[in-house]
Amino acid sequence: MTDPTGTARPTPAGATAPPGPDTGTNTGTAHDRRPDDLARQVLSTVRGDDERLRELIGGLVTHLHAFVRETRPSQDEWLRAVDFLVRTGRACTDRRNEFILLSDMLGLTSAVDDVNHTGPPTMTPSSVEGPFHSPAPPRPMGAWIAEGPELRRGERAVVHGRITDCDGRPLAGAVLDVWQANDTGLYDSQDDEQPDGNLRALFTTGPDGAYWFRTVKPASYPVPTDGPVGELLRALGRHPMRPAHIHLRVEAAGHRSLTTHVFAAEDPYLGSDAAFAVKDALIAPFAPAADEDTARRFGMDGPFLEAEFDIRLAAAPAAETGGTRA
């Protein structure tokens, strides 16, 4: 055995040397090792009782070694990459997860979301949750969720639609969780001028499955760029902007829960979302309300925008509903 400096040390009395990899010949040098020998040696140590863990770590090792063989990073590049990851960890706090941000900016969060939320073609697509979700206050249907200074500055808006199953049947008792940024692109957790719970709400649908609420149109905003991920974006020549959107999470008995966005159709960053989360079916226009009847229907006075967005939920598998489908 060796110490941390690489110097050979005798095995202590009563101890046994650690087993070597369960692969053929291990010469211990790179000069006479085939390109994939090292990966096979590492993979031979991926053991344990957790089959899924073995699958994940085995896949990770396979692809990481293939990446090294393909790109041939220098020792300095490898050290810089390790330093980047260390600094990413140090940038994390109770209110900020720099690793989630890194995952978002590399499209990994959206990729994981996509493979975990397949369903019927009529189902509303999912989208990433993002880092700004927090418990929301229950509010009556149609309530104003904007209670800060944005109500004086921003464009007033009504967002409405129906929550149904994939065949269009209304879902009564569905719980809709809403959160969004204000007209300057800030969430309540980022802005001391906003009261806690601002631009957040929990709504419960009635028999018709309809929902609606009053708010201000959100603004597009940059992701945090004062940490390692911001350095990476600048090095890649990428902007940090996310298009204007409202987050929605829906839960209904007998149906799969859904976390998604509604994106403002007029936003200039729809085609270059820094988090790669935009899907065509999630885009809705925030258009000027058409007439006085619409204003009376929603209890609005003065000019306002209207956005309509219906949400269709897929039925939950029978195993999740006690053997029956709702």
C-alpha atoms as a PDB file:
ATOM      1  CA  MET A   1       0.000   0.000   0.000  1.00  0.00           C
ATOM      2  CA  THR A   2       1.113   3.634  -0.411  1.00  0.00           C
ATOM      3  CA  ASP A   3       0.771   6.811   1.609  1.00  0.00           C
ATOM      4  CA  PRO A   4      -0.683  10.037   0.119  1.00  0.00           C
ATOM      5  CA  THR A   5       2.710  10.878  -1.410  1.00  0.00           C
ATOM      6  CA  GLY A   6       2.781   7.650  -3.372  1.00  0.00           C
ATOM      7  CA  THR A   7       5.538   6.051  -1.245  1.00  0.00           C
ATOM      8  CA  ALA A   8       5.170   2.309  -0.730  1.00  0.00           C
ATOM      9  CA  ARG A   9       4.348   1.297   2.857  1.00  0.00           C
ATOM     10  CA  PRO A  10       4.031  -2.187   4.334  1.00  0.00           C
ATOM     11  CA  THR A  11       0.546  -3.457   5.006  1.00  0.00           C
ATOM     12  CA  PRO A  12      -0.186  -3.196   8.756  1.00  0.00           C
ATOM     13  CA  ALA A  13      -0.237  -6.450  10.718  1.00  0.00           C
ATOM     14  CA  GLY A  14      -3.605  -8.096  10.649  1.00  0.00           C
ATOM     15  CA  ALA A  15      -4.756  -6.064   7.652  1.00  0.00           C
ATOM     16  CA  THR A  16      -5.148  -7.195   4.089  1.00  0.00           C
ATOM     17  CA  ALA A  17      -4.227  -5.274   1.014  1.00  0.00           C
ATOM     18  CA  PRO A  18      -7.226  -3.848  -0.872  1.00  0.00           C
ATOM     19  CA  PRO A  19      -8.270  -6.026  -3.806  1.00  0.00           C
ATOM     20  CA  GLY A  20      -7.306  -4.914  -7.268  1.00  0.00           C
ATOM     21  CA  PRO A  21      -9.796  -4.464 -10.110  1.00  0.00           C
ATOM     22  CA  ASP A  22     -11.413  -7.673 -11.358  1.00  0.00           C
ATOM     23  CA  THR A  23     -10.137  -7.268 -14.903  1.00  0.00           C
ATOM     24  CA  GLY A  24      -7.507  -9.212 -16.790  1.00  0.00           C
ATOM     25  CA  THR A  25      -4.011  -7.846 -16.715  1.00  0.00           C
ATOM     26  CA  ASN A  26      -3.384  -4.559 -14.937  1.00  0.00           C
ATOM     27  CA  THR A  27       0.044  -3.311 -15.927  1.00  0.00           C
ATOM     28  CA  GLY A  28      -0.263  -0.034 -14.021  1.00  0.00           C
ATOM     29  CA  THR A  29       1.130   2.083 -16.871  1.00  0.00           C
ATOM     30  CA  ALA A  30      -0.557   4.102 -19.567  1.00  0.00           C
ATOM     31  CA  HIS A  31       1.966   3.170 -22.271  1.00  0.00           C
ATOM     32  CA  ASP A  32       0.806  -0.425 -22.694  1.00  0.00           C
ATOM     33  CA  ARG A  33      -2.872   0.083 -21.780  1.00  0.00           C
ATOM     34  CA  ARG A  34      -5.545   0.068 -24.448  1.00  0.00           C
ATOM     35  CA  PRO A  35      -7.674   3.256 -24.482  1.00  0.00           C
ATOM     36  CA  ASP A  36     -10.645   1.674 -22.718  1.00  0.00           C
ATOM     37  CA  ASP A  37      -8.710  -0.551 -20.258  1.00  0.00           C
ATOM     38  CA  LEU A  38      -8.743   2.075 -17.501  1.00  0.00           C
ATOM     39  CA  ALA A  39     -12.498   2.607 -17.815  1.00  0.00           C
ATOM     40  CA  ARG A  40     -13.039  -1.150 -17.566  1.00  0.00           C
ATOM     41  CA  GLN A  41     -10.861  -1.324 -14.475  1.00  0.00           C
ATOM     42  CA  VAL A  42     -12.852   1.438 -12.793  1.00  0.00           C
ATOM     43  CA  LEU A  43     -16.144  -0.137 -13.829  1.00  0.00           C
ATOM     44  CA  SER A  44     -15.077  -3.428 -12.260  1.00  0.00           C
ATOM     45  CA  THR A  45     -15.140  -1.667  -8.864  1.00  0.00           C
ATOM     46  CA  VAL A  46     -18.727  -0.476  -9.265  1.00  0.00           C
ATOM     47  CA  ARG A  47     -20.367  -2.953  -6.943  1.00  0.00           C
ATOM     48  CA  GLY A  48     -22.796  -2.757  -4.042  1.00  0.00           C
ATOM     49  CA  ASP A  49     -26.368  -3.901  -3.596  1.00  0.00           C
ATOM     50  CA  ASP A  50     -28.105  -0.919  -5.189  1.00  0.00           C
ATOM     51  CA  GLU A  51     -28.659  -1.912  -8.810  1.00  0.00           C
ATOM     52  CA  ARG A  52     -29.798   1.555  -9.876  1.00  0.00           C
ATOM     53  CA  LEU A  53     -26.756   3.186  -8.271  1.00  0.00           C
ATOM     54  CA  ARG A  54     -24.504   0.763 -10.142  1.00  0.00           C
ATOM     55  CA  GLU A  55     -26.250   1.665 -13.388  1.00  0.00           C
ATOM     56  CA  LEU A  56     -25.904   5.429 -12.824  1.00  0.00           C
ATOM     57  CA  ILE A  57     -22.276   5.375 -11.689  1.00  0.00           C
ATOM     58  CA  GLY A  58     -21.352   2.919 -14.427  1.00  0.00           C
ATOM     59  CA  GLY A  59     -22.868   5.166 -17.068  1.00  0.00           C
ATOM     60  CA  LEU A  60     -21.191   8.230 -15.582  1.00  0.00           C
ATOM     61  CA  VAL A  61     -17.759   6.574 -15.550  1.00  0.00           C
ATOM     62  CA  THR A  62     -18.197   5.301 -19.108  1.00  0.00           C
ATOM     63  CA  HIS A  63     -19.132   8.706 -20.509  1.00  0.00           C
ATOM     64  CA  LEU A  64     -16.561  10.672 -18.497  1.00  0.00           C
ATOM     65  CA  HIS A  65     -13.725   8.434 -19.670  1.00  0.00           C
ATOM     66  CA  ALA A  66     -14.994   8.652 -23.244  1.00  0.00           C
ATOM     67  CA  PHE A  67     -15.032  12.455 -22.918  1.00  0.00           C
ATOM     68  CA  VAL A  68     -11.403  12.476 -21.802  1.00  0.00           C
ATOM     69  CA  ARG A  69     -10.338  10.197 -24.653  1.00  0.00           C
ATOM     70  CA  GLU A  70     -12.198  12.390 -27.164  1.00  0.00           C
ATOM     71  CA  THR A  71     -11.139  15.852 -25.944  1.00  0.00           C
ATOM     72  CA  ARG A  72      -7.727  15.011 -24.381  1.00  0.00           C
ATOM     73  CA  PRO A  73      -7.725  17.785 -21.725  1.00  0.00           C
ATOM     74  CA  SER A  74      -4.340  18.966 -20.522  1.00  0.00           C
ATOM     75  CA  GLN A  75      -3.332  18.655 -16.869  1.00  0.00           C
ATOM     76  CA  ASP A  76      -3.841  22.407 -16.463  1.00  0.00           C
ATOM     77  CA  GLU A  77      -7.319  22.237 -18.018  1.00  0.00           C
ATOM     78  CA  TRP A  78      -8.252  19.404 -15.678  1.00  0.00           C
ATOM     79  CA  LEU A  79      -7.077  21.370 -12.629  1.00  0.00           C
ATOM     80  CA  ARG A  80      -9.020  24.435 -13.786  1.00  0.00           C
ATOM     81  CA  ALA A  81     -12.141  22.282 -14.147  1.00  0.00           C
ATOM     82  CA  VAL A  82     -11.715  20.912 -10.623  1.00  0.00           C
ATOM     83  CA  ASP A  83     -11.227  24.444  -9.315  1.00  0.00           C
ATOM     84  CA  PHE A  84     -14.402  25.538 -11.104  1.00  0.00           C
ATOM     85  CA  LEU A  85     -16.395  22.791  -9.383  1.00  0.00           C
ATOM     86  CA  VAL A  86     -14.894  23.650  -5.983  1.00  0.00           C
ATOM     87  CA  ARG A  87     -15.814  27.309  -6.418  1.00  0.00           C
ATOM     88  CA  THR A  88     -19.292  26.330  -7.585  1.00  0.00           C
ATOM     89  CA  GLY A  89     -19.802  24.437  -4.337  1.00  0.00           C
ATOM     90  CA  ARG A  90     -18.513  27.349  -2.272  1.00  0.00           C
ATOM     91  CA  ALA A  91     -20.980  29.693  -4.013  1.00  0.00           C
ATOM     92  CA  CYS A  92     -23.936  27.684  -2.701  1.00  0.00           C
ATOM     93  CA  THR A  93     -25.906  29.042   0.257  1.00  0.00           C
ATOM     94  CA  ASP A  94     -29.230  28.312   1.933  1.00  0.00           C
ATOM     95  CA  ARG A  95     -30.861  30.633  -0.613  1.00  0.00           C
ATOM     96  CA  ARG A  96     -28.763  29.912  -3.680  1.00  0.00           C
ATOM     97  CA  ASN A  97     -27.720  26.646  -5.341  1.00  0.00           C
ATOM     98  CA  GLU A  98     -24.976  27.338  -7.863  1.00  0.00           C
ATOM     99  CA  PHE A  99     -24.931  23.678  -8.937  1.00  0.00           C
ATOM    100  CA  ILE A 100     -28.618  23.824  -9.896  1.00  0.00           C
ATOM    101  CA  LEU A 101     -27.845  26.987 -11.833  1.00  0.00           C
ATOM    102  CA  LEU A 102     -24.985  25.193 -13.609  1.00  0.00           C
ATOM    103  CA  SER A 103     -27.330  22.323 -14.445  1.00  0.00           C
ATOM    104  CA  ASP A 104     -29.886  24.806 -15.798  1.00  0.00           C
ATOM    105  CA  MET A 105     -27.341  26.617 -17.965  1.00  0.00           C
ATOM    106  CA  LEU A 106     -26.085  23.346 -19.486  1.00  0.00           C
ATOM    107  CA  GLY A 107     -29.617  22.197 -20.301  1.00  0.00           C
ATOM    108  CA  LEU A 108     -29.323  19.231 -17.927  1.00  0.00           C
ATOM    109  CA  THR A 109     -32.267  20.289 -15.765  1.00  0.00           C
ATOM    110  CA  SER A 110     -34.516  20.448 -18.815  1.00  0.00           C
ATOM    111  CA  ALA A 111     -33.144  17.133 -20.081  1.00  0.00           C
ATOM    112  CA  VAL A 112     -33.971  15.397 -16.787  1.00  0.00           C
ATOM    113  CA  ASP A 113     -37.406  17.035 -16.790  1.00  0.00           C
ATOM    114  CA  ASP A 114     -38.092  15.788 -20.325  1.00  0.00           C
ATOM    115  CA  VAL A 115     -37.241  12.131 -19.630  1.00  0.00           C
ATOM    116  CA  ASN A 116     -39.345  12.133 -16.457  1.00  0.00           C
ATOM    117  CA  HIS A 117     -42.510  13.751 -17.834  1.00  0.00           C
ATOM    118  CA  THR A 118     -43.584  11.904 -20.917  1.00  0.00           C
ATOM    119  CA  GLY A 119     -47.282  11.355 -21.546  1.00  0.00           C
ATOM    120  CA  PRO A 120     -50.172  11.649 -23.988  1.00  0.00           C
ATOM    121  CA  PRO A 121     -49.732  14.200 -26.779  1.00  0.00           C
ATOM    122  CA  THR A 122     -52.643  16.239 -25.400  1.00  0.00           C
ATOM    123  CA  MET A 123     -50.968  16.647 -21.997  1.00  0.00           C
ATOM    124  CA  THR A 124     -49.605  20.099 -21.164  1.00  0.00           C
ATOM    125  CA  PRO A 125     -45.795  19.853 -21.343  1.00  0.00           C
ATOM    126  CA  SER A 126     -43.794  20.182 -18.161  1.00  0.00           C
ATOM    127  CA  SER A 127     -40.979  22.627 -17.585  1.00  0.00           C
ATOM    128  CA  VAL A 128     -38.311  23.219 -14.949  1.00  0.00           C
ATOM    129  CA  GLU A 129     -39.260  24.383 -11.462  1.00  0.00           C
ATOM    130  CA  GLY A 130     -36.402  26.839 -11.130  1.00  0.00           C
ATOM    131  CA  PRO A 131     -34.837  28.006  -7.866  1.00  0.00           C
ATOM    132  CA  PHE A 132     -37.494  30.482  -6.689  1.00  0.00           C
ATOM    133  CA  HIS A 133     -40.390  28.291  -5.554  1.00  0.00           C
ATOM    134  CA  SER A 134     -41.495  28.692  -1.939  1.00  0.00           C
ATOM    135  CA  PRO A 135     -44.757  28.124  -0.036  1.00  0.00           C
ATOM    136  CA  ALA A 136     -47.549  30.337  -1.356  1.00  0.00           C
ATOM    137  CA  PRO A 137     -50.550  31.782   0.490  1.00  0.00           C
ATOM    138  CA  PRO A 138     -54.007  30.403  -0.370  1.00  0.00           C
ATOM    139  CA  ARG A 139     -56.087  33.049  -2.144  1.00  0.00           C
ATOM    140  CA  PRO A 140     -59.683  33.206  -3.403  1.00  0.00           C
ATOM    141  CA  MET A 141     -60.163  32.663  -7.109  1.00  0.00           C
ATOM    142  CA  GLY A 142     -59.664  35.906  -9.038  1.00  0.00           C
ATOM    143  CA  ALA A 143     -57.548  37.547  -6.342  1.00  0.00           C
ATOM    144  CA  TRP A 144     -54.816  40.053  -6.996  1.00  0.00           C
ATOM    145  CA  ILE A 145     -51.494  38.344  -6.360  1.00  0.00           C
ATOM    146  CA  ALA A 146     -49.516  41.577  -6.910  1.00  0.00           C
ATOM    147  CA  GLU A 147     -49.344  43.449  -3.616  1.00  0.00           C
ATOM    148  CA  GLY A 148     -46.075  45.378  -3.919  1.00  0.00           C
ATOM    149  CA  PRO A 149     -44.904  48.488  -5.772  1.00  0.00           C
ATOM    150  CA  GLU A 150     -45.160  46.626  -9.090  1.00  0.00           C
ATOM    151  CA  LEU A 151     -48.921  47.166  -8.958  1.00  0.00           C
ATOM    152  CA  ARG A 152     -48.334  50.897  -9.449  1.00  0.00           C
ATOM    153  CA  ARG A 153     -45.600  50.529 -12.093  1.00  0.00           C
ATOM    154  CA  GLY A 154     -46.340  47.417 -14.097  1.00  0.00           C
ATOM    155  CA  GLU A 155     -48.783  46.403 -16.829  1.00  0.00           C
ATOM    156  CA  ARG A 156     -51.828  44.932 -15.162  1.00  0.00           C
ATOM    157  CA  ALA A 157     -52.870  41.533 -16.428  1.00  0.00           C
ATOM    158  CA  VAL A 158     -55.438  38.784 -16.026  1.00  0.00           C
ATOM    159  CA  VAL A 159     -54.326  35.173 -16.492  1.00  0.00           C
ATOM    160  CA  HIS A 160     -57.064  32.589 -16.870  1.00  0.00           C
ATOM    161  CA  GLY A 161     -57.857  29.160 -18.249  1.00  0.00           C
ATOM    162  CA  ARG A 162     -59.242  25.729 -17.418  1.00  0.00           C
ATOM    163  CA  ILE A 163     -57.644  22.724 -15.760  1.00  0.00           C
ATOM    164  CA  THR A 164     -58.868  19.516 -17.366  1.00  0.00           C
ATOM    165  CA  ASP A 165     -57.851  15.950 -18.046  1.00  0.00           C
ATOM    166  CA  CYS A 166     -56.351  15.042 -21.412  1.00  0.00           C
ATOM    167  CA  ASP A 167     -59.850  14.561 -22.863  1.00  0.00           C
ATOM    168  CA  GLY A 168     -60.987  18.048 -21.837  1.00  0.00           C
ATOM    169  CA  ARG A 169     -63.058  17.057 -18.808  1.00  0.00           C
ATOM    170  CA  PRO A 170     -62.833  19.731 -16.076  1.00  0.00           C
ATOM    171  CA  LEU A 171     -60.999  18.851 -12.873  1.00  0.00           C
ATOM    172  CA  ALA A 172     -62.733  20.145  -9.766  1.00  0.00           C
ATOM    173  CA  GLY A 173     -60.627  20.594  -6.652  1.00  0.00           C
ATOM    174  CA  ALA A 174     -57.373  20.980  -8.571  1.00  0.00           C
ATOM    175  CA  VAL A 175     -54.800  23.036  -6.650  1.00  0.00           C
ATOM    176  CA  LEU A 176     -52.880  25.586  -8.698  1.00  0.00           C
ATOM    177  CA  ASP A 177     -49.632  26.956  -7.238  1.00  0.00           C
ATOM    178  CA  VAL A 178     -48.493  30.193  -8.919  1.00  0.00           C
ATOM    179  CA  TRP A 179     -45.241  32.156  -8.590  1.00  0.00           C
ATOM    180  CA  GLN A 180     -43.603  34.798 -10.758  1.00  0.00           C
ATOM    181  CA  ALA A 181     -41.157  37.680 -10.937  1.00  0.00           C
ATOM    182  CA  ASN A 182     -42.350  41.278 -10.931  1.00  0.00           C
ATOM    183  CA  ASP A 183     -42.137  43.912 -13.650  1.00  0.00           C
ATOM    184  CA  THR A 184     -38.405  44.389 -13.020  1.00  0.00           C
ATOM    185  CA  GLY A 185     -37.591  40.678 -13.069  1.00  0.00           C
ATOM    186  CA  LEU A 186     -37.302  40.141  -9.299  1.00  0.00           C
ATOM    187  CA  TYR A 187     -38.986  37.548  -7.080  1.00  0.00           C
ATOM    188  CA  ASP A 188     -40.069  38.444  -3.559  1.00  0.00           C
ATOM    189  CA  SER A 189     -37.071  36.558  -2.128  1.00  0.00           C
ATOM    190  CA  GLN A 190     -34.739  38.900  -4.068  1.00  0.00           C
ATOM    191  CA  ASP A 191     -36.471  42.205  -3.391  1.00  0.00           C
ATOM    192  CA  ASP A 192     -36.875  43.892   0.004  1.00  0.00           C
ATOM    193  CA  GLU A 193     -39.611  46.133  -1.393  1.00  0.00           C
ATOM    194  CA  GLN A 194     -41.928  43.170  -1.977  1.00  0.00           C
ATOM    195  CA  PRO A 195     -43.902  41.673   0.915  1.00  0.00           C
ATOM    196  CA  ASP A 196     -43.411  37.980   1.663  1.00  0.00           C
ATOM    197  CA  GLY A 197     -45.654  35.855  -0.533  1.00  0.00           C
ATOM    198  CA  ASN A 198     -45.971  38.563  -3.149  1.00  0.00           C
ATOM    199  CA  LEU A 199     -46.775  37.321  -6.652  1.00  0.00           C
ATOM    200  CA  ARG A 200     -47.489  33.872  -5.231  1.00  0.00           C
ATOM    201  CA  ALA A 201     -50.790  32.094  -4.671  1.00  0.00           C
ATOM    202  CA  LEU A 202     -52.595  28.811  -4.198  1.00  0.00           C
ATOM    203  CA  PHE A 203     -55.954  28.524  -5.976  1.00  0.00           C
ATOM    204  CA  THR A 204     -58.479  25.674  -5.909  1.00  0.00           C
ATOM    205  CA  THR A 205     -60.759  25.078  -8.878  1.00  0.00           C
ATOM    206  CA  GLY A 206     -64.516  24.631  -8.751  1.00  0.00           C
ATOM    207  CA  PRO A 207     -66.674  22.186 -10.745  1.00  0.00           C
ATOM    208  CA  ASP A 208     -65.868  23.861 -14.072  1.00  0.00           C
ATOM    209  CA  GLY A 209     -62.089  23.520 -13.578  1.00  0.00           C
ATOM    210  CA  ALA A 210     -61.647  27.221 -14.324  1.00  0.00           C
ATOM    211  CA  TYR A 211     -58.990  29.408 -12.757  1.00  0.00           C
ATOM    212  CA  TRP A 212     -58.135  33.083 -12.999  1.00  0.00           C
ATOM    213  CA  PHE A 213     -56.080  35.647 -11.147  1.00  0.00           C
ATOM    214  CA  ARG A 214     -54.996  39.262 -11.471  1.00  0.00           C
ATOM    215  CA  THR A 215     -51.356  40.268 -11.539  1.00  0.00           C
ATOM    216  CA  VAL A 216     -48.794  42.309 -13.447  1.00  0.00           C
ATOM    217  CA  LYS A 217     -46.992  41.089 -16.520  1.00  0.00           C
ATOM    218  CA  PRO A 218     -43.617  39.639 -15.468  1.00  0.00           C
ATOM    219  CA  ALA A 219     -40.381  40.852 -17.021  1.00  0.00           C
ATOM    220  CA  SER A 220     -37.565  38.827 -18.514  1.00  0.00           C
ATOM    221  CA  TYR A 221     -34.591  38.668 -16.165  1.00  0.00           C
ATOM    222  CA  PRO A 222     -30.969  37.514 -15.935  1.00  0.00           C
ATOM    223  CA  VAL A 223     -29.920  34.509 -13.911  1.00  0.00           C
ATOM    224  CA  PRO A 224     -27.275  35.305 -11.263  1.00  0.00           C
ATOM    225  CA  THR A 225     -23.937  36.018 -12.935  1.00  0.00           C
ATOM    226  CA  ASP A 226     -21.761  36.964  -9.959  1.00  0.00           C
ATOM    227  CA  GLY A 227     -20.471  33.419  -9.428  1.00  0.00           C
ATOM    228  CA  PRO A 228     -18.647  30.680 -11.341  1.00  0.00           C
ATOM    229  CA  VAL A 229     -21.612  29.992 -13.629  1.00  0.00           C
ATOM    230  CA  GLY A 230     -21.643  33.635 -14.681  1.00  0.00           C
ATOM    231  CA  GLU A 231     -17.942  33.322 -15.519  1.00  0.00           C
ATOM    232  CA  LEU A 232     -18.737  30.331 -17.706  1.00  0.00           C
ATOM    233  CA  LEU A 233     -21.539  32.146 -19.528  1.00  0.00           C
ATOM    234  CA  ARG A 234     -19.240  35.072 -20.292  1.00  0.00           C
ATOM    235  CA  ALA A 235     -16.463  32.748 -21.471  1.00  0.00           C
ATOM    236  CA  LEU A 236     -18.934  31.065 -23.841  1.00  0.00           C
ATOM    237  CA  GLY A 237     -20.287  34.376 -25.135  1.00  0.00           C
ATOM    238  CA  ARG A 238     -23.778  33.566 -23.828  1.00  0.00           C
ATOM    239  CA  HIS A 239     -26.341  35.963 -22.388  1.00  0.00           C
ATOM    240  CA  PRO A 240     -27.926  35.120 -18.999  1.00  0.00           C
ATOM    241  CA  MET A 241     -31.521  36.072 -19.822  1.00  0.00           C
ATOM    242  CA  ARG A 242     -34.676  34.100 -19.175  1.00  0.00           C
ATOM    243  CA  PRO A 243     -37.825  35.145 -21.077  1.00  0.00           C
ATOM    244  CA  ALA A 244     -40.782  36.511 -19.120  1.00  0.00           C
ATOM    245  CA  HIS A 245     -42.845  33.715 -17.601  1.00  0.00           C
ATOM    246  CA  ILE A 246     -45.177  32.638 -14.825  1.00  0.00           C
ATOM    247  CA  HIS A 247     -44.587  29.359 -12.998  1.00  0.00           C
ATOM    248  CA  LEU A 248     -47.522  26.997 -12.471  1.00  0.00           C
ATOM    249  CA  ARG A 249     -47.704  23.780 -10.488  1.00  0.00           C
ATOM    250  CA  VAL A 250     -50.936  21.778 -10.565  1.00  0.00           C
ATOM    251  CA  GLU A 251     -52.099  18.853  -8.461  1.00  0.00           C
ATOM    252  CA  ALA A 252     -55.409  17.015  -8.852  1.00  0.00           C
ATOM    253  CA  ALA A 253     -56.627  13.732  -7.419  1.00  0.00           C
ATOM    254  CA  GLY A 254     -56.053  10.789  -9.744  1.00  0.00           C
ATOM    255  CA  HIS A 255     -53.730  12.747 -12.014  1.00  0.00           C
ATOM    256  CA  ARG A 256     -50.024  13.295 -12.319  1.00  0.00           C
ATOM    257  CA  SER A 257     -48.840  16.563 -10.837  1.00  0.00           C
ATOM    258  CA  LEU A 258     -47.417  19.041 -13.312  1.00  0.00           C
ATOM    259  CA  THR A 259     -44.888  21.850 -12.993  1.00  0.00           C
ATOM    260  CA  THR A 260     -44.744  24.139 -15.984  1.00  0.00           C
ATOM    261  CA  HIS A 261     -44.456  27.723 -17.268  1.00  0.00           C
ATOM    262  CA  VAL A 262     -46.540  30.083 -19.317  1.00  0.00           C
ATOM    263  CA  PHE A 263     -44.189  32.262 -21.386  1.00  0.00           C
ATOM    264  CA  ALA A 264     -45.107  35.688 -22.726  1.00  0.00           C
ATOM    265  CA  ALA A 265     -45.339  35.428 -26.514  1.00  0.00           C
ATOM    266  CA  GLU A 266     -43.935  38.915 -27.032  1.00  0.00           C
ATOM    267  CA  ASP A 267     -40.637  38.275 -25.228  1.00  0.00           C
ATOM    268  CA  PRO A 268     -37.414  38.690 -27.264  1.00  0.00           C
ATOM    269  CA  TYR A 269     -35.623  35.862 -25.421  1.00  0.00           C
ATOM    270  CA  LEU A 270     -38.028  33.045 -26.284  1.00  0.00           C
ATOM    271  CA  GLY A 271     -35.584  31.618 -28.799  1.00  0.00           C
ATOM    272  CA  SER A 272     -32.552  31.812 -26.511  1.00  0.00           C
ATOM    273  CA  ASP A 273     -33.728  31.016 -22.984  1.00  0.00           C
ATOM    274  CA  ALA A 274     -30.608  30.590 -20.855  1.00  0.00           C
ATOM    275  CA  ALA A 275     -32.246  27.585 -19.140  1.00  0.00           C
ATOM    276  CA  PHE A 276     -33.451  25.944 -22.386  1.00  0.00           C
ATOM    277  CA  ALA A 277     -36.960  25.558 -20.913  1.00  0.00           C
ATOM    278  CA  VAL A 278     -39.200  27.117 -23.589  1.00  0.00           C
ATOM    279  CA  LYS A 279     -41.636  24.833 -25.439  1.00  0.00           C
ATOM    280  CA  ASP A 280     -44.012  26.055 -28.121  1.00  0.00           C
ATOM    281  CA  ALA A 281     -47.101  24.766 -26.289  1.00  0.00           C
ATOM    282  CA  LEU A 282     -46.217  26.899 -23.252  1.00  0.00           C
ATOM    283  CA  ILE A 283     -46.242  30.255 -25.057  1.00  0.00           C
ATOM    284  CA  ALA A 284     -49.284  32.517 -24.700  1.00  0.00           C
ATOM    285  CA  PRO A 285     -49.838  36.127 -25.791  1.00  0.00           C
ATOM    286  CA  PHE A 286     -50.391  38.800 -23.165  1.00  0.00           C
ATOM    287  CA  ALA A 287     -52.721  40.845 -25.353  1.00  0.00           C
ATOM    288  CA  PRO A 288     -54.660  44.033 -24.581  1.00  0.00           C
ATOM    289  CA  ALA A 289     -58.149  43.171 -23.354  1.00  0.00           C
ATOM    290  CA  ALA A 290     -60.648  43.390 -26.170  1.00  0.00           C
ATOM    291  CA  ASP A 291     -63.695  45.152 -24.730  1.00  0.00           C
ATOM    292  CA  GLU A 292     -65.568  46.490 -21.712  1.00  0.00           C
ATOM    293  CA  ASP A 293     -67.444  43.212 -21.207  1.00  0.00           C
ATOM    294  CA  THR A 294     -64.112  41.462 -20.633  1.00  0.00           C
ATOM    295  CA  ALA A 295     -63.104  44.163 -18.169  1.00  0.00           C
ATOM    296  CA  ARG A 296     -66.370  43.777 -16.231  1.00  0.00           C
ATOM    297  CA  ARG A 297     -66.038  39.985 -16.259  1.00  0.00           C
ATOM    298  CA  PHE A 298     -62.669  40.197 -14.508  1.00  0.00           C
ATOM    299  CA  GLY A 299     -63.387  43.237 -12.347  1.00  0.00           C
ATOM    300  CA  MET A 300     -60.781  45.401 -14.049  1.00  0.00           C
ATOM    301  CA  ASP A 301     -60.835  49.127 -14.604  1.00  0.00           C
ATOM    302  CA  GLY A 302     -58.490  50.821 -17.023  1.00  0.00           C
ATOM    303  CA  PRO A 303     -56.261  49.114 -19.601  1.00  0.00           C
ATOM    304  CA  PHE A 304     -55.007  45.597 -18.903  1.00  0.00           C
ATOM    305  CA  LEU A 305     -53.555  42.564 -20.631  1.00  0.00           C
ATOM    306  CA  GLU A 306     -55.219  39.169 -20.935  1.00  0.00           C
ATOM    307  CA  ALA A 307     -53.485  35.790 -21.183  1.00  0.00           C
ATOM    308  CA  GLU A 308     -55.392  32.530 -21.608  1.00  0.00           C
ATOM    309  CA  PHE A 309     -53.652  29.245 -20.814  1.00  0.00           C
ATOM    310  CA  ASP A 310     -55.445  25.909 -20.443  1.00  0.00           C
ATOM    311  CA  ILE A 311     -53.767  23.078 -18.533  1.00  0.00           C
ATOM    312  CA  ARG A 312     -54.343  19.395 -19.278  1.00  0.00           C
ATOM    313  CA  LEU A 313     -53.193  16.762 -16.807  1.00  0.00           C
ATOM    314  CA  ALA A 314     -52.395  13.136 -17.553  1.00  0.00           C
ATOM    315  CA  ALA A 315     -54.035  10.423 -15.488  1.00  0.00           C
ATOM    316  CA  ALA A 316     -51.821   8.941 -12.787  1.00  0.00           C
ATOM    317  CA  PRO A 317     -50.748   5.309 -13.201  1.00  0.00           C
ATOM    318  CA  ALA A 318     -53.026   2.862 -11.413  1.00  0.00           C
ATOM    319  CA  ALA A 319     -50.278   2.086  -8.889  1.00  0.00           C
ATOM    320  CA  GLU A 320     -50.376   5.715  -7.718  1.00  0.00           C
ATOM    321  CA  THR A 321     -54.170   5.812  -7.284  1.00  0.00           C
ATOM    322  CA  GLY A 322     -54.709   2.658  -5.265  1.00  0.00           C
ATOM    323  CA  GLY A 323     -55.365   0.502  -8.312  1.00  0.00           C
ATOM    324  CA  THR A 324     -57.956   2.731  -9.967  1.00  0.00           C
ATOM    325  CA  ARG A 325     -57.907   5.719 -12.262  1.00  0.00           C
ATOM    326  CA  ALA A 326     -59.963   8.819 -11.596  1.00  0.00           C
END
